[in-house]
All heavy atoms as atom14 arrays in JSON, in Angstrom:
{
  "sequence": "QLVQAGGGSVQAGGSLKLSCVASGFIDIKYCQAWF",
  "atom14_mask": [
    [1, 1, 1, 1, 1, 1, 1, 1, 1, 0, 0, 0, 0, 0],
    [1, 1, 1, 1, 1, 1, 1, 1, 0, 0, 0, 0, 0, 0],
    [1, 1, 1, 1, 1, 1, 1, 0, 0, 0, 0, 0, 0, 0],
    [1, 1, 1, 1, 1, 1, 1, 1, 1, 0, 0, 0, 0, 0],
    [1, 1, 1, 1, 1, 0, 0, 0, 0, 0, 0, 0, 0, 0],
    [1, 1, 1, 1, 0, 0, 0, 0, 0, 0, 0, 0, 0, 0],
    [1, 1, 1, 1, 0, 0, 0, 0, 0, 0, 0, 0, 0, 0],
    [1, 1, 1, 1, 0, 0, 0, 0, 0, 0, 0, 0, 0, 0],
    [1, 1, 1, 1, 1, 1, 0, 0, 0, 0, 0, 0, 0, 0],
    [1, 1, 1, 1, 1, 1, 1, 0, 0, 0, 0, 0, 0, 0],
    [1, 1, 1, 1, 1, 1, 1, 1, 1, 0, 0, 0, 0, 0],
    [1, 1, 1, 1, 1, 0, 0, 0, 0, 0, 0, 0, 0, 0],
    [1, 1, 1, 1, 0, 0, 0, 0, 0, 0, 0, 0, 0, 0],
    [1, 1, 1, 1, 0, 0, 0, 0, 0, 0, 0, 0, 0, 0],
    [1, 1, 1, 1, 1, 1, 0, 0, 0, 0, 0, 0, 0, 0],
    [1, 1, 1, 1, 1, 1, 1, 1, 0, 0, 0, 0, 0, 0],
    [1, 1, 1, 1, 1, 1, 1, 1, 1, 0, 0, 0, 0, 0],
    [1, 1, 1, 1, 1, 1, 1, 1, 0, 0, 0, 0, 0, 0],
    [1, 1, 1, 1, 1, 1, 0, 0, 0, 0, 0, 0, 0, 0],
    [1, 1, 1, 1, 1, 1, 0, 0, 0, 0, 0, 0, 0, 0],
    [1, 1, 1, 1, 1, 1, 1, 0, 0, 0, 0, 0, 0, 0],
    [1, 1, 1, 1, 1, 0, 0, 0, 0, 0, 0, 0, 0, 0],
    [1, 1, 1, 1, 1, 1, 0, 0, 0, 0, 0, 0, 0, 0],
    [1, 1, 1, 1, 0, 0, 0, 0, 0, 0, 0, 0, 0, 0],
    [1, 1, 1, 1, 1, 1, 1, 1, 1, 1, 1, 0, 0, 0],
    [1, 1, 1, 1, 1, 1, 1, 1, 0, 0, 0, 0, 0, 0],
    [1, 1, 1, 1, 1, 1, 1, 1, 0, 0, 0, 0, 0, 0],
    [1, 1, 1, 1, 1, 1, 1, 1, 0, 0, 0, 0, 0, 0],
    [1, 1, 1, 1, 1, 1, 1, 1, 1, 0, 0, 0, 0, 0],
    [1, 1, 1, 1, 1, 1, 1, 1, 1, 1, 1, 1, 0, 0],
    [1, 1, 1, 1, 1, 1, 0, 0, 0, 0, 0, 0, 0, 0],
    [1, 1, 1, 1, 1, 1, 1, 1, 1, 0, 0, 0, 0, 0],
    [1, 1, 1, 1, 1, 0, 0, 0, 0, 0, 0, 0, 0, 0],
    [1, 1, 1, 1, 1, 1, 1, 1, 1, 1, 1, 1, 1, 1],
    [1, 1, 1, 1, 1, 1, 1, 1, 1, 1, 1, 0, 0, 0]
  ],
  "atom14_positions": [
    [[102.0, 117.05, 95.13], [101.34, 116.02, 94.36], [100.7, 115.0, 95.29], [101.29, 114.61, 96.3], [102.36, 115.33, 93.44], [101.79, 114.29, 92.51], [102.82, 113.79, 91.54], [102.9, 114.26, 90.41], [103.64, 112.84, 91.99], [0.0, 0.0, 0.0], [0.0, 0.0, 0.0], [0.0, 0.0, 0.0], [0.0, 0.0, 0.0], [0.0, 0.0, 0.0]],
    [[99.5, 114.56, 94.93], [98.83, 113.45, 95.58], [98.6, 112.37, 94.54], [97.95, 112.63, 93.52], [97.5, 113.88, 96.19], [97.55, 114.95, 97.28], [96.14, 115.33, 97.72], [98.35, 114.47, 98.49], [0.0, 0.0, 0.0], [0.0, 0.0, 0.0], [0.0, 0.0, 0.0], [0.0, 0.0, 0.0], [0.0, 0.0, 0.0], [0.0, 0.0, 0.0]],
    [[99.14, 111.19, 94.77], [99.04, 110.09, 93.84], [98.22, 108.98, 94.48], [98.5, 108.57, 95.61], [100.43, 109.56, 93.44], [100.3, 108.34, 92.52], [101.23, 110.65, 92.77], [0.0, 0.0, 0.0], [0.0, 0.0, 0.0], [0.0, 0.0, 0.0], [0.0, 0.0, 0.0], [0.0, 0.0, 0.0], [0.0, 0.0, 0.0], [0.0, 0.0, 0.0]],
    [[97.21, 108.49, 93.77], [96.3, 107.51, 94.33], [96.42, 106.16, 93.64], [96.78, 106.06, 92.47], [94.85, 107.99, 94.19], [94.54, 109.24, 94.98], [93.09, 109.61, 94.91], [92.74, 110.73, 94.53], [92.21, 108.67, 95.27], [0.0, 0.0, 0.0], [0.0, 0.0, 0.0], [0.0, 0.0, 0.0], [0.0, 0.0, 0.0], [0.0, 0.0, 0.0]],
    [[96.06, 105.11, 94.39], [96.02, 103.76, 93.87], [95.07, 102.94, 94.73], [94.64, 103.39, 95.8], [97.41, 103.13, 93.84], [0.0, 0.0, 0.0], [0.0, 0.0, 0.0], [0.0, 0.0, 0.0], [0.0, 0.0, 0.0], [0.0, 0.0, 0.0], [0.0, 0.0, 0.0], [0.0, 0.0, 0.0], [0.0, 0.0, 0.0], [0.0, 0.0, 0.0]],
    [[94.77, 101.73, 94.3], [94.02, 100.79, 95.11], [92.59, 100.54, 94.69], [91.93, 99.65, 95.24], [0.0, 0.0, 0.0], [0.0, 0.0, 0.0], [0.0, 0.0, 0.0], [0.0, 0.0, 0.0], [0.0, 0.0, 0.0], [0.0, 0.0, 0.0], [0.0, 0.0, 0.0], [0.0, 0.0, 0.0], [0.0, 0.0, 0.0], [0.0, 0.0, 0.0]],
    [[92.08, 101.28, 93.73], [90.73, 101.05, 93.26], [90.63, 99.76, 92.48], [91.63, 99.13, 92.14], [0.0, 0.0, 0.0], [0.0, 0.0, 0.0], [0.0, 0.0, 0.0], [0.0, 0.0, 0.0], [0.0, 0.0, 0.0], [0.0, 0.0, 0.0], [0.0, 0.0, 0.0], [0.0, 0.0, 0.0], [0.0, 0.0, 0.0], [0.0, 0.0, 0.0]],
    [[89.41, 99.37, 92.19], [89.18, 98.15, 91.44], [87.74, 97.72, 91.5], [86.87, 98.48, 91.93], [0.0, 0.0, 0.0], [0.0, 0.0, 0.0], [0.0, 0.0, 0.0], [0.0, 0.0, 0.0], [0.0, 0.0, 0.0], [0.0, 0.0, 0.0], [0.0, 0.0, 0.0], [0.0, 0.0, 0.0], [0.0, 0.0, 0.0], [0.0, 0.0, 0.0]],
    [[87.49, 96.5, 91.08], [86.14, 95.93, 91.07], [86.07, 94.74, 92.01], [86.93, 93.85, 91.96], [85.77, 95.48, 89.66], [85.74, 96.58, 88.76], [0.0, 0.0, 0.0], [0.0, 0.0, 0.0], [0.0, 0.0, 0.0], [0.0, 0.0, 0.0], [0.0, 0.0, 0.0], [0.0, 0.0, 0.0], [0.0, 0.0, 0.0], [0.0, 0.0, 0.0]],
    [[85.06, 94.74, 92.86], [84.86, 93.66, 93.82], [83.39, 93.32, 93.92], [82.52, 94.11, 93.54], [85.39, 94.03, 95.23], [86.9, 94.25, 95.21], [84.67, 95.25, 95.77], [0.0, 0.0, 0.0], [0.0, 0.0, 0.0], [0.0, 0.0, 0.0], [0.0, 0.0, 0.0], [0.0, 0.0, 0.0], [0.0, 0.0, 0.0], [0.0, 0.0, 0.0]],
    [[83.12, 92.14, 94.45], [81.75, 91.74, 94.77], [81.34, 92.37, 96.1], [82.18, 92.7, 96.94], [81.65, 90.23, 94.87], [81.92, 89.48, 93.58], [80.73, 89.52, 92.64], [79.62, 89.9, 93.02], [80.95, 89.1, 91.41], [0.0, 0.0, 0.0], [0.0, 0.0, 0.0], [0.0, 0.0, 0.0], [0.0, 0.0, 0.0], [0.0, 0.0, 0.0]],
    [[80.05, 92.54, 96.28], [79.53, 93.03, 97.55], [80.05, 92.18, 98.7], [80.09, 90.95, 98.6], [78.01, 93.04, 97.54], [0.0, 0.0, 0.0], [0.0, 0.0, 0.0], [0.0, 0.0, 0.0], [0.0, 0.0, 0.0], [0.0, 0.0, 0.0], [0.0, 0.0, 0.0], [0.0, 0.0, 0.0], [0.0, 0.0, 0.0], [0.0, 0.0, 0.0]],
    [[80.46, 92.84, 99.77], [81.05, 92.16, 100.9], [82.57, 92.09, 100.87], [83.19, 91.72, 101.87], [0.0, 0.0, 0.0], [0.0, 0.0, 0.0], [0.0, 0.0, 0.0], [0.0, 0.0, 0.0], [0.0, 0.0, 0.0], [0.0, 0.0, 0.0], [0.0, 0.0, 0.0], [0.0, 0.0, 0.0], [0.0, 0.0, 0.0], [0.0, 0.0, 0.0]],
    [[83.16, 92.45, 99.74], [84.59, 92.42, 99.6], [85.26, 93.66, 100.17], [84.6, 94.55, 100.73], [0.0, 0.0, 0.0], [0.0, 0.0, 0.0], [0.0, 0.0, 0.0], [0.0, 0.0, 0.0], [0.0, 0.0, 0.0], [0.0, 0.0, 0.0], [0.0, 0.0, 0.0], [0.0, 0.0, 0.0], [0.0, 0.0, 0.0], [0.0, 0.0, 0.0]],
    [[86.58, 93.73, 100.01], [87.37, 94.81, 100.58], [88.34, 95.37, 99.56], [88.79, 94.68, 98.64], [88.17, 94.32, 101.79], [87.33, 93.88, 102.84], [0.0, 0.0, 0.0], [0.0, 0.0, 0.0], [0.0, 0.0, 0.0], [0.0, 0.0, 0.0], [0.0, 0.0, 0.0], [0.0, 0.0, 0.0], [0.0, 0.0, 0.0], [0.0, 0.0, 0.0]],
    [[88.65, 96.65, 99.73], [89.69, 97.32, 98.98], [90.45, 98.24, 99.92], [89.88, 98.73, 100.9], [89.12, 98.14, 97.82], [88.55, 97.39, 96.62], [87.84, 98.38, 95.7], [89.66, 96.67, 95.86], [0.0, 0.0, 0.0], [0.0, 0.0, 0.0], [0.0, 0.0, 0.0], [0.0, 0.0, 0.0], [0.0, 0.0, 0.0], [0.0, 0.0, 0.0]],
    [[91.7, 98.51, 99.61], [92.51, 99.45, 100.38], [93.05, 100.51, 99.43], [93.89, 100.22, 98.57], [93.65, 98.73, 101.09], [94.41, 99.62, 102.08], [95.45, 98.81, 102.84], [96.15, 99.64, 103.89], [97.16, 98.84, 104.65], [0.0, 0.0, 0.0], [0.0, 0.0, 0.0], [0.0, 0.0, 0.0], [0.0, 0.0, 0.0], [0.0, 0.0, 0.0]],
    [[92.57, 101.73, 99.59], [93.01, 102.83, 98.77], [94.21, 103.51, 99.41], [94.31, 103.57, 100.63], [91.89, 103.86, 98.59], [90.54, 103.33, 98.11], [89.58, 104.5, 97.9], [90.68, 102.51, 96.84], [0.0, 0.0, 0.0], [0.0, 0.0, 0.0], [0.0, 0.0, 0.0], [0.0, 0.0, 0.0], [0.0, 0.0, 0.0], [0.0, 0.0, 0.0]],
    [[95.09, 104.05, 98.59], [96.24, 104.76, 99.09], [96.33, 106.15, 98.46], [95.87, 106.37, 97.34], [97.54, 103.99, 98.83], [97.78, 103.83, 97.45], [0.0, 0.0, 0.0], [0.0, 0.0, 0.0], [0.0, 0.0, 0.0], [0.0, 0.0, 0.0], [0.0, 0.0, 0.0], [0.0, 0.0, 0.0], [0.0, 0.0, 0.0], [0.0, 0.0, 0.0]],
    [[96.93, 107.06, 99.2], [97.15, 108.43, 98.74], [98.55, 108.82, 99.19], [98.8, 108.98, 100.38], [96.09, 109.35, 99.34], [96.24, 111.09, 98.9], [0.0, 0.0, 0.0], [0.0, 0.0, 0.0], [0.0, 0.0, 0.0], [0.0, 0.0, 0.0], [0.0, 0.0, 0.0], [0.0, 0.0, 0.0], [0.0, 0.0, 0.0], [0.0, 0.0, 0.0]],
    [[99.44, 108.95, 98.24], [100.84, 109.26, 98.52], [101.09, 110.73, 98.26], [100.88, 111.22, 97.15], [101.79, 108.41, 97.67], [103.24, 108.71, 98.03], [101.49, 106.92, 97.86], [0.0, 0.0, 0.0], [0.0, 0.0, 0.0], [0.0, 0.0, 0.0], [0.0, 0.0, 0.0], [0.0, 0.0, 0.0], [0.0, 0.0, 0.0], [0.0, 0.0, 0.0]],
    [[101.55, 111.43, 99.29], [101.8, 112.86, 99.2], [103.29, 113.13, 99.02], [104.13, 112.51, 99.67], [101.29, 113.57, 100.45], [0.0, 0.0, 0.0], [0.0, 0.0, 0.0], [0.0, 0.0, 0.0], [0.0, 0.0, 0.0], [0.0, 0.0, 0.0], [0.0, 0.0, 0.0], [0.0, 0.0, 0.0], [0.0, 0.0, 0.0], [0.0, 0.0, 0.0]],
    [[103.6, 114.07, 98.16], [104.99, 114.47, 97.96], [105.05, 115.96, 97.66], [104.1, 116.53, 97.12], [105.65, 113.68, 96.83], [104.99, 113.9, 95.6], [0.0, 0.0, 0.0], [0.0, 0.0, 0.0], [0.0, 0.0, 0.0], [0.0, 0.0, 0.0], [0.0, 0.0, 0.0], [0.0, 0.0, 0.0], [0.0, 0.0, 0.0], [0.0, 0.0, 0.0]],
    [[106.15, 116.58, 98.03], [106.37, 117.97, 97.73], [105.74, 118.96, 98.71], [105.83, 120.17, 98.49], [0.0, 0.0, 0.0], [0.0, 0.0, 0.0], [0.0, 0.0, 0.0], [0.0, 0.0, 0.0], [0.0, 0.0, 0.0], [0.0, 0.0, 0.0], [0.0, 0.0, 0.0], [0.0, 0.0, 0.0], [0.0, 0.0, 0.0], [0.0, 0.0, 0.0]],
    [[105.12, 118.47, 99.78], [104.46, 119.34, 100.75], [105.45, 119.78, 101.83], [106.31, 119.01, 102.25], [103.29, 118.63, 101.42], [102.11, 118.4, 100.52], [102.04, 117.27, 99.71], [101.06, 119.31, 100.49], [100.96, 117.07, 98.88], [99.97, 119.11, 99.66], [99.92, 117.99, 98.86], [0.0, 0.0, 0.0], [0.0, 0.0, 0.0], [0.0, 0.0, 0.0]],
    [[105.3, 121.03, 102.29], [106.11, 121.49, 103.41], [105.65, 120.79, 104.67], [104.52, 120.28, 104.76], [106.05, 123.02, 103.56], [104.62, 123.5, 103.84], [106.61, 123.7, 102.33], [104.53, 124.98, 104.15], [0.0, 0.0, 0.0], [0.0, 0.0, 0.0], [0.0, 0.0, 0.0], [0.0, 0.0, 0.0], [0.0, 0.0, 0.0], [0.0, 0.0, 0.0]],
    [[106.51, 120.79, 105.67], [106.28, 120.01, 106.88], [105.41, 120.78, 107.87], [105.89, 121.28, 108.89], [107.61, 119.62, 107.51], [107.45, 118.62, 108.63], [106.39, 117.98, 108.72], [108.42, 118.46, 109.41], [0.0, 0.0, 0.0], [0.0, 0.0, 0.0], [0.0, 0.0, 0.0], [0.0, 0.0, 0.0], [0.0, 0.0, 0.0], [0.0, 0.0, 0.0]],
    [[104.13, 120.87, 107.57], [103.13, 121.42, 108.47], [101.97, 120.45, 108.53], [101.92, 119.47, 107.78], [102.65, 122.83, 108.04], [102.04, 122.78, 106.63], [103.8, 123.82, 108.09], [101.44, 124.1, 106.19], [0.0, 0.0, 0.0], [0.0, 0.0, 0.0], [0.0, 0.0, 0.0], [0.0, 0.0, 0.0], [0.0, 0.0, 0.0], [0.0, 0.0, 0.0]],
    [[101.01, 120.71, 109.42], [99.88, 119.81, 109.6], [98.76, 120.13, 108.62], [98.37, 121.28, 108.44], [99.36, 119.9, 111.03], [100.37, 119.5, 112.09], [100.73, 118.03, 111.99], [101.68, 117.62, 113.1], [102.04, 116.18, 113.0], [0.0, 0.0, 0.0], [0.0, 0.0, 0.0], [0.0, 0.0, 0.0], [0.0, 0.0, 0.0], [0.0, 0.0, 0.0]],
    [[98.24, 119.09, 107.99], [97.18, 119.22, 107.01], [95.93, 118.45, 107.45], [96.05, 117.36, 108.02], [97.61, 118.67, 105.65], [98.75, 119.42, 105.02], [100.06, 119.06, 105.28], [98.52, 120.49, 104.17], [101.13, 119.74, 104.72], [99.57, 121.18, 103.59], [100.87, 120.8, 103.87], [101.91, 121.48, 103.29], [0.0, 0.0, 0.0], [0.0, 0.0, 0.0]],
    [[94.78, 119.02, 107.18], [93.56, 118.24, 107.21], [93.53, 117.4, 105.94], [93.82, 117.89, 104.85], [92.32, 119.13, 107.27], [92.11, 120.02, 108.82], [0.0, 0.0, 0.0], [0.0, 0.0, 0.0], [0.0, 0.0, 0.0], [0.0, 0.0, 0.0], [0.0, 0.0, 0.0], [0.0, 0.0, 0.0], [0.0, 0.0, 0.0], [0.0, 0.0, 0.0]],
    [[93.16, 116.14, 106.09], [93.11, 115.24, 104.96], [91.74, 114.6, 104.88], [91.08, 114.39, 105.91], [94.19, 114.15, 105.1], [95.59, 114.7, 105.2], [96.62, 113.62, 105.38], [97.06, 112.98, 104.42], [97.02, 113.39, 106.62], [0.0, 0.0, 0.0], [0.0, 0.0, 0.0], [0.0, 0.0, 0.0], [0.0, 0.0, 0.0], [0.0, 0.0, 0.0]],
    [[91.31, 114.28, 103.68], [89.96, 113.78, 103.51], [89.87, 112.83, 102.33], [90.71, 112.84, 101.43], [88.98, 114.95, 103.29], [0.0, 0.0, 0.0], [0.0, 0.0, 0.0], [0.0, 0.0, 0.0], [0.0, 0.0, 0.0], [0.0, 0.0, 0.0], [0.0, 0.0, 0.0], [0.0, 0.0, 0.0], [0.0, 0.0, 0.0], [0.0, 0.0, 0.0]],
    [[88.84, 112.01, 102.38], [88.45, 111.16, 101.27], [87.05, 111.57, 100.83], [86.14, 111.7, 101.66], [88.45, 109.68, 101.65], [89.81, 109.11, 101.88], [90.47, 109.0, 103.06], [90.68, 108.57, 100.89], [91.69, 108.43, 102.88], [91.86, 108.15, 101.54], [90.59, 108.39, 99.5], [92.92, 107.57, 100.87], [91.65, 107.81, 98.84], [92.79, 107.41, 99.52]],
    [[86.89, 111.76, 99.53], [85.61, 112.07, 98.92], [85.27, 110.99, 97.9], [86.16, 110.29, 97.41], [85.65, 113.42, 98.2], [85.83, 114.61, 99.1], [87.09, 115.0, 99.52], [84.74, 115.36, 99.5], [87.26, 116.11, 100.34], [84.89, 116.47, 100.3], [86.16, 116.84, 100.73], [0.0, 0.0, 0.0], [0.0, 0.0, 0.0], [0.0, 0.0, 0.0]]
  ]
}
């Protein structure tokens, strides 16, 4: 499972911090991406 949070509405010039919490994955190396 990948669970996301951190979106919202901001004015131009503002900041947001998105998160992606992974669970249930075996302990190997993954390529990760944001789209």
